[in-house]
């Protein structure tokens, strides 16, 4: 009976050693996985920063193009108004004088 108990005790000790080894391996795997996740996170962050920089640059370029188009459009409108004013200056002056003298 002592022999059976001794064998069971040895089996239990071996099982404990195996479990300790498994726990150590599991911890090492968890640490490796955590390290990999951190690396992946850093890579993704760098990629996202790059993409955001590209998008920001594109948006700034589009905004500048739109601003330039608006400036050109406004300049043309101002030129047209000045042209109309110059063509009709005499008529406008005459109409103003007529309005003043009607009273």
N, C-alpha and C. Protein backbone atom coordinates (compact mmCIF):
# COMPACT_ATOMS: atom_id res chain seq x y z
N UNK A 1 0.82 -1.19 0.00
CA UNK A 1 0.00 0.00 0.00
C UNK A 1 0.87 1.26 0.00
N UNK A 2 1.95 1.17 0.79
CA UNK A 2 2.88 2.30 0.82
C UNK A 2 3.46 2.56 -0.55
N UNK A 3 3.70 1.47 -1.28
CA UNK A 3 4.27 1.59 -2.61
C UNK A 3 3.29 2.33 -3.53
N UNK A 4 2.01 2.07 -3.45
CA UNK A 4 0.98 2.72 -4.27
C UNK A 4 0.91 4.20 -3.90
N UNK A 5 0.94 4.47 -2.62
CA UNK A 5 0.88 5.87 -2.16
C UNK A 5 2.11 6.62 -2.65
N UNK A 6 3.27 5.96 -2.55
CA UNK A 6 4.51 6.58 -3.00
C UNK A 6 4.44 6.87 -4.50
N UNK A 7 3.91 5.91 -5.27
CA UNK A 7 3.77 6.09 -6.72
C UNK A 7 2.81 7.24 -7.01
N UNK A 8 1.69 7.28 -6.30
CA UNK A 8 0.72 8.36 -6.50
C UNK A 8 1.34 9.71 -6.16
N UNK A 9 2.12 9.74 -5.12
CA UNK A 9 2.78 10.97 -4.71
C UNK A 9 3.77 11.42 -5.79
N UNK A 10 4.51 10.49 -6.38
CA UNK A 10 5.44 10.81 -7.45
C UNK A 10 4.70 11.30 -8.69
N UNK A 11 3.58 10.64 -8.98
CA UNK A 11 2.76 11.06 -10.12
C UNK A 11 2.23 12.47 -9.88
N UNK A 12 1.81 12.73 -8.68
CA UNK A 12 1.29 14.06 -8.34
C UNK A 12 2.39 15.11 -8.44
N UNK A 13 3.60 14.76 -8.01
CA UNK A 13 4.73 15.68 -8.10
C UNK A 13 5.07 15.96 -9.56
N UNK A 14 5.08 14.93 -10.40
CA UNK A 14 5.35 15.10 -11.82
C UNK A 14 4.26 15.97 -12.47
N UNK A 15 3.01 15.71 -12.07
CA UNK A 15 1.90 16.50 -12.61
C UNK A 15 2.06 17.96 -12.20
N UNK A 16 2.50 18.19 -10.98
CA UNK A 16 2.74 19.56 -10.51
C UNK A 16 3.84 20.23 -11.32
N UNK A 17 4.92 19.48 -11.59
CA UNK A 17 6.00 20.03 -12.40
C UNK A 17 5.51 20.35 -13.82
N UNK A 18 4.72 19.45 -14.36
CA UNK A 18 4.16 19.68 -15.70
C UNK A 18 3.27 20.93 -15.71
N UNK A 19 2.47 21.06 -14.68
CA UNK A 19 1.57 22.23 -14.60
C UNK A 19 2.39 23.51 -14.44
N UNK A 20 3.47 23.45 -13.65
CA UNK A 20 4.34 24.62 -13.52
C UNK A 20 4.94 24.98 -14.87
N UNK A 21 5.39 23.95 -15.60
CA UNK A 21 5.96 24.19 -16.93
C UNK A 21 4.92 24.78 -17.88
N UNK A 22 3.72 24.26 -17.80
CA UNK A 22 2.63 24.78 -18.64
C UNK A 22 2.35 26.23 -18.28
N UNK A 23 2.31 26.55 -17.01
CA UNK A 23 2.05 27.93 -16.57
C UNK A 23 3.15 28.87 -17.05
N UNK A 24 4.40 28.41 -16.95
CA UNK A 24 5.51 29.24 -17.42
C UNK A 24 5.40 29.46 -18.93
N UNK A 25 5.11 28.38 -19.66
CA UNK A 25 4.94 28.49 -21.11
C UNK A 25 3.78 29.41 -21.46
N UNK A 26 2.69 29.27 -20.72
CA UNK A 26 1.52 30.11 -20.97
C UNK A 26 1.84 31.58 -20.72
N UNK A 27 2.57 31.87 -19.64
CA UNK A 27 2.95 33.25 -19.36
C UNK A 27 3.85 33.80 -20.45
N UNK A 28 4.80 32.98 -20.90
CA UNK A 28 5.71 33.42 -21.97
C UNK A 28 4.92 33.70 -23.25
N UNK A 29 3.96 32.83 -23.54
CA UNK A 29 3.13 33.04 -24.74
C UNK A 29 2.29 34.30 -24.60
N UNK A 30 1.74 34.52 -23.40
CA UNK A 30 0.94 35.72 -23.18
C UNK A 30 1.79 36.98 -23.32
N UNK A 31 3.01 36.93 -22.79
CA UNK A 31 3.90 38.09 -22.92
C UNK A 31 4.28 38.32 -24.37
N UNK A 32 4.54 37.26 -25.10
CA UNK A 32 4.87 37.38 -26.53
C UNK A 32 3.68 37.95 -27.30
N UNK A 33 2.50 37.45 -26.99
CA UNK A 33 1.29 37.94 -27.66
C UNK A 33 1.07 39.42 -27.33
N UNK A 34 1.29 39.80 -26.09
CA UNK A 34 1.14 41.20 -25.69
C UNK A 34 2.13 42.07 -26.44
N UNK A 35 3.38 41.59 -26.55
CA UNK A 35 4.41 42.33 -27.29
C UNK A 35 4.01 42.48 -28.76
N UNK A 36 3.52 41.42 -29.36
CA UNK A 36 3.09 41.47 -30.76
C UNK A 36 1.93 42.45 -30.93
N UNK A 37 0.99 42.45 -29.99
CA UNK A 37 -0.15 43.36 -30.08
C UNK A 37 0.31 44.81 -29.97
N UNK A 38 1.28 45.05 -29.10
CA UNK A 38 1.81 46.41 -28.97
C UNK A 38 2.51 46.84 -30.25
N UNK A 39 3.28 45.92 -30.85
CA UNK A 39 3.95 46.23 -32.11
C UNK A 39 2.94 46.51 -33.21
N UNK A 40 1.92 45.69 -33.27
CA UNK A 40 0.86 45.89 -34.27
C UNK A 40 0.18 47.23 -34.04
N UNK A 41 -0.08 47.54 -32.77
CA UNK A 41 -0.70 48.82 -32.45
C UNK A 41 0.15 49.99 -32.90
N UNK A 42 1.46 49.91 -32.67
CA UNK A 42 2.36 50.98 -33.09
C UNK A 42 2.41 51.09 -34.61
N UNK A 43 2.43 49.95 -35.29
CA UNK A 43 2.43 49.97 -36.76
C UNK A 43 1.14 50.60 -37.29
N UNK A 44 0.02 50.22 -36.70
CA UNK A 44 -1.26 50.79 -37.14
C UNK A 44 -1.31 52.29 -36.87
N UNK A 45 -0.79 52.68 -35.73
CA UNK A 45 -0.79 54.10 -35.39
C UNK A 45 0.06 54.89 -36.39
N UNK A 46 1.23 54.35 -36.73
CA UNK A 46 2.09 55.01 -37.71
C UNK A 46 1.41 55.08 -39.08
N UNK A 47 0.77 53.99 -39.47
CA UNK A 47 0.07 53.96 -40.76
C UNK A 47 -1.07 54.97 -40.78
N UNK A 48 -1.82 55.03 -39.68
CA UNK A 48 -2.93 55.97 -39.61
C UNK A 48 -2.43 57.41 -39.65
N UNK A 49 -1.33 57.69 -38.98
CA UNK A 49 -0.75 59.03 -39.02
C UNK A 49 -0.36 59.40 -40.44
N UNK A 50 0.24 58.44 -41.15
CA UNK A 50 0.61 58.69 -42.54
C UNK A 50 -0.60 58.96 -43.41
N UNK A 51 -1.62 58.16 -43.23
CA UNK A 51 -2.84 58.35 -44.02
C UNK A 51 -3.50 59.69 -43.68
N UNK A 52 -3.52 60.04 -42.40
CA UNK A 52 -4.12 61.31 -41.99
C UNK A 52 -3.34 62.49 -42.57
N UNK A 53 -2.03 62.36 -42.61
CA UNK A 53 -1.20 63.42 -43.19
C UNK A 53 -1.52 63.59 -44.67
N UNK A 54 -1.66 62.46 -45.36
CA UNK A 54 -2.00 62.51 -46.80
C UNK A 54 -3.37 63.16 -46.99
N UNK A 55 -4.35 62.74 -46.19
CA UNK A 55 -5.69 63.30 -46.31
C UNK A 55 -5.69 64.79 -45.98
N UNK A 56 -4.96 65.17 -44.95
CA UNK A 56 -4.89 66.58 -44.57
C UNK A 56 -4.30 67.41 -45.71
N UNK A 57 -3.24 66.89 -46.31
CA UNK A 57 -2.60 67.58 -47.43
C UNK A 57 -3.57 67.74 -48.59
N UNK A 58 -4.29 66.66 -48.90
CA UNK A 58 -5.27 66.72 -50.00
C UNK A 58 -6.37 67.73 -49.71
N UNK A 59 -6.86 67.72 -48.48
CA UNK A 59 -7.91 68.67 -48.12
C UNK A 59 -7.42 70.11 -48.20
N UNK A 60 -6.19 70.34 -47.75
CA UNK A 60 -5.63 71.69 -47.83
C UNK A 60 -5.48 72.12 -49.29
N UNK A 61 -5.05 71.19 -50.14
CA UNK A 61 -4.91 71.52 -51.57
C UNK A 61 -6.27 71.83 -52.18
N UNK A 62 -7.27 71.03 -51.84
CA UNK A 62 -8.62 71.27 -52.36
C UNK A 62 -9.15 72.62 -51.87
N UNK A 63 -8.90 72.91 -50.60
CA UNK A 63 -9.36 74.19 -50.05
C UNK A 63 -8.68 75.34 -50.77
N UNK A 64 -7.39 75.23 -51.03
CA UNK A 64 -6.67 76.29 -51.73
C UNK A 64 -7.20 76.46 -53.16
N UNK A 65 -7.51 75.36 -53.80
CA UNK A 65 -8.07 75.43 -55.16
C UNK A 65 -9.42 76.13 -55.14
N UNK A 66 -10.25 75.77 -54.17
CA UNK A 66 -11.57 76.40 -54.07
C UNK A 66 -11.44 77.88 -53.75
N UNK A 67 -10.52 78.22 -52.87
CA UNK A 67 -10.29 79.64 -52.54
C UNK A 67 -9.85 80.38 -53.78
N UNK A 68 -8.92 79.78 -54.53
CA UNK A 68 -8.43 80.42 -55.75
C UNK A 68 -9.57 80.60 -56.76
N UNK A 69 -10.42 79.60 -56.90
CA UNK A 69 -11.56 79.71 -57.81
C UNK A 69 -12.50 80.83 -57.37
N UNK A 70 -12.75 80.92 -56.07
CA UNK A 70 -13.61 81.99 -55.57
C UNK A 70 -13.00 83.36 -55.78
N UNK A 71 -11.70 83.47 -55.57
CA UNK A 71 -11.01 84.75 -55.79
C UNK A 71 -11.15 85.15 -57.26
N UNK A 72 -10.90 84.20 -58.15
CA UNK A 72 -11.01 84.49 -59.58
C UNK A 72 -12.44 84.86 -59.97
N UNK A 73 -13.40 84.14 -59.42
CA UNK A 73 -14.81 84.43 -59.72
C UNK A 73 -15.19 85.83 -59.22
N UNK A 74 -14.78 86.14 -58.00
CA UNK A 74 -15.07 87.46 -57.44
C UNK A 74 -14.38 88.56 -58.22
N UNK A 75 -13.14 88.31 -58.64
CA UNK A 75 -12.41 89.30 -59.42
C UNK A 75 -13.12 89.56 -60.74
N UNK A 76 -13.61 88.50 -61.38
CA UNK A 76 -14.35 88.67 -62.64
C UNK A 76 -15.63 89.48 -62.41
N UNK A 77 -16.32 89.18 -61.31
CA UNK A 77 -17.55 89.91 -61.02
C UNK A 77 -17.25 91.39 -60.76
N UNK A 78 -16.16 91.65 -60.05
CA UNK A 78 -15.78 93.05 -59.80
C UNK A 78 -15.44 93.75 -61.11
N UNK A 79 -14.71 93.06 -61.96
CA UNK A 79 -14.36 93.64 -63.26
C UNK A 79 -15.61 93.92 -64.08
N UNK A 80 -16.58 93.00 -64.06
CA UNK A 80 -17.82 93.20 -64.80
C UNK A 80 -18.60 94.38 -64.23
N UNK A 81 -18.65 94.49 -62.90
CA UNK A 81 -19.34 95.62 -62.28
C UNK A 81 -18.66 96.94 -62.62
N UNK A 82 -17.33 96.96 -62.58
CA UNK A 82 -16.60 98.18 -62.95
C UNK A 82 -16.84 98.53 -64.42
N UNK A 83 -16.86 97.51 -65.26
CA UNK A 83 -17.10 97.74 -66.68
C UNK A 83 -18.50 98.31 -66.91
N UNK A 84 -19.47 97.71 -66.24
CA UNK A 84 -20.85 98.19 -66.35
C UNK A 84 -20.96 99.63 -65.83
N UNK A 85 -20.28 99.89 -64.72
CA UNK A 85 -20.30 101.23 -64.13
C UNK A 85 -19.68 102.24 -65.10
N UNK A 86 -18.53 101.87 -65.68
CA UNK A 86 -17.86 102.79 -66.60
C UNK A 86 -18.71 103.04 -67.85
N UNK A 87 -19.36 102.00 -68.36
CA UNK A 87 -20.20 102.17 -69.55
C UNK A 87 -21.41 103.05 -69.27
N UNK A 88 -21.94 102.93 -68.08
CA UNK A 88 -23.19 103.61 -67.77
C UNK A 88 -23.02 104.82 -66.85
N UNK A 89 -21.79 105.25 -66.62
CA UNK A 89 -21.51 106.36 -65.71
C UNK A 89 -22.27 107.62 -66.11
N UNK A 90 -22.22 107.94 -67.36
CA UNK A 90 -22.91 109.15 -67.84
C UNK A 90 -24.41 109.03 -67.61
N UNK A 91 -24.96 107.86 -67.94
CA UNK A 91 -26.40 107.66 -67.77
C UNK A 91 -26.78 107.74 -66.29
N UNK A 92 -25.96 107.10 -65.42
CA UNK A 92 -26.25 107.14 -63.98
C UNK A 92 -26.20 108.58 -63.46
N UNK A 93 -25.21 109.34 -63.91
CA UNK A 93 -25.08 110.73 -63.48
C UNK A 93 -26.29 111.53 -63.95
N UNK A 94 -26.71 111.32 -65.19
CA UNK A 94 -27.86 112.03 -65.74
C UNK A 94 -29.12 111.69 -64.95
N UNK A 95 -29.32 110.39 -64.65
CA UNK A 95 -30.49 109.96 -63.88
C UNK A 95 -30.49 110.57 -62.48
N UNK A 96 -29.32 110.65 -61.88
CA UNK A 96 -29.23 111.24 -60.53
C UNK A 96 -29.59 112.72 -60.60
N UNK A 97 -29.05 113.41 -61.61
CA UNK A 97 -29.36 114.84 -61.75
C UNK A 97 -30.83 115.03 -62.00
N UNK A 98 -31.45 114.19 -62.82
CA UNK A 98 -32.88 114.29 -63.11
C UNK A 98 -33.71 114.06 -61.83
N UNK A 99 -33.31 113.11 -61.02
CA UNK A 99 -34.02 112.83 -59.77
C UNK A 99 -33.91 114.03 -58.82
N UNK A 100 -32.72 114.60 -58.77
CA UNK A 100 -32.52 115.75 -57.86
C UNK A 100 -33.33 116.95 -58.34
N UNK A 101 -33.37 117.19 -59.62
CA UNK A 101 -34.04 118.36 -60.16
C UNK A 101 -35.56 118.18 -60.23
N UNK A 102 -36.06 117.00 -60.14
CA UNK A 102 -37.51 116.76 -60.15
C UNK A 102 -38.18 117.29 -58.92
N UNK A 103 -37.51 117.33 -57.88
CA UNK A 103 -38.10 117.72 -56.60
C UNK A 103 -38.38 119.13 -56.54
